[in-house]
Amino acid sequence: MKQGRHLGRALLGYAVLTLLSSGGLASLGIWQLQRAEQKQQLLDAIDRAGSEKAVDLGDALANGVDLHFRAVTARGRYLPDRQILLDNQIRNGEPGVQVFVPLQLDGGGQMLLVDRGWLPWRDRAGPLPIATVSTESVAVDGLLLSAPAAGLVLGAEVRQQWPLLVTRIDLADLERRLQQPLLDLVLEDRQTPRAQTLRSGMLPPERHRGYALQWFGLSLTVIIIFGVLAIRSWRARSITPS
């Protein structure tokens, strides 16, 4: 009897561990499905932006239009001395930075970050790579996307003065530094499109769905293994002389 109670408590502990492990694996599968949906939306937006007519950003803001994944024309002036360089951006094995330049929008105090594309930075001891932008009033056609994921905060930013060298795009921090309202989206400039890089460099949605299937399979496997071991334990107990 005592042995049976001990076995029951052990199986209960293993059951809890199994549920936690299986739930964790299943949550990873769900996350991969969410990533697949995000990637599909982005790819659809890139394709759509190539064919649809761009809307005026000022009009869209005034009318409260949903701007995510929209092709727009933004009018304003660049702030060439306020460039943000996103570090650790590798292209074909070559180190570099992704360059973002604030655009002071016409007709108001808002600003918009414009992704001006990737620049190589081979010599870390050399000068920072800076994008050449017009100081005149410009009309920039592009696709509005969410800012790059912030990722882990590993410490202070690499460079505190302009141009900023950062390891993540923190819109709230940039808004504080610029001292003006900053839209929570980034414009991918069609003249220096990251769309091709996004399409060629990202994992396709199908790959994420495949990973999700693997995580769900592992989750199910954990449950099956526990079930088999539990049945064997109870059978062994039932034939053990008391």
Foldseek 3Di string as FASTA:
>chain_A
DVVVVVLVVVLVVLVVVLVVLLVVLLVLLVVLLVVLVVQVLLLVLVVCLVPDDADAPVVCVVVVHPQASGKHKFKAFWDQFAKEWAFDDADPNFGWTWIWIWGQGPPDQEIAIETQAIDGDRDPVDDHDGDDDDRDIDIFIFTKHAAPDFPDDPDDAPDDHPPGYGNGDDPVVSCVVVVTHYDRIYGQGPVHGCSVVSVVPDDHSVVSNVSSVVSNVVSVVSVVVSVVVSVVVVVVVVPDDD
